[in-house]
Amino acid sequence: MRLHFKHYPGTGPTLLILHGLYGNQGNWAAQARQLAPHFNVYALDARNHGQSPWADTMGLAEMATDVADTMRTLALPHAHLLGHSMGGKTAMMLALTQPGLVQSLCVVDIAPVAYPQAGDGVIKALCELDLSSISTRGDADNKLAVSIPEKFIRDFLLANLQRSQTGGWCWRFNLPVLASCFQQVTGWPGGLGTYPGPTLFIKGEHSSYILPDYEAATLQQFPHTQLKVVNGAGHWVHSEKPEAVLRLIRNFLG
């Protein structure tokens, strides 16, 4: 599948940016613009997100193949990869299965492990929200607040709420498929081998997505790894502390 992307032309090496679940390429627009003077940046929409095509399935292997297909379409023999959460898992999957395409890997607040219960409350709340009963975006916010008390998360999700062609409301992402494939997206297969290239993991201090318990599995699959922690940030570390994350990415990529 060829993914939709936004290109930030630069004269340096190519950098692909992969967003997280429920997101789109615009989530990284500020960082992409600031990296563009030194890198040829492409920010991609994952399948079933943003303006990329919809499909009935979205396993991690399929999403990694989507990135590879898009690289071939753009005649990119290799690239540096930067991915957050689901995008980080997609980037890791591509690095492990097609390492020749990946010059280096920067993974933001996710580890190469399965997260059986992570984020299931959000997907449940979205599926239970009856869009036909909503008159305004504020209505949706009030209904989601019952299950999702964090205003920052609700604002992030509601950025995907848009008017349908019939005048009602619809999601920009393919919610039924996100729900049916949720365990695949949050899971992680074994036996993928190792990626020999340089790898940076960026963790939000208050996030539980990268824990000491995951260190052995991470080093087994990505032996040339360094970990950096961003103080005062949670899972959406690039939104909460954008300058700190940008500084780490720049230092890693040189």
Foldseek 3Di string as FASTA:
>chain_A
DAWDKDWLAEDAFEEEEEEAPLAAQVLCVVLCNVCRPHHGYIYTGFELADPTHHDLADFLLVRLVNVVVNCVVVVNQAGAYEYAQLGLSSQLLNCLQPVRRHQEYEYEQAAQAADQPPPPLVLVQVVPDDQVPDDDLVVVLVSSCVRVVDPVVSVRNSVQWDADPVGTIDGNGDSVSCVVHVRSSRHHDDDSFARAHAYEYEAEPPEPNDDPVRVVVRCRHYVNYDYHYDYPDYRSRCVVPVVVVSVVVVVVVD
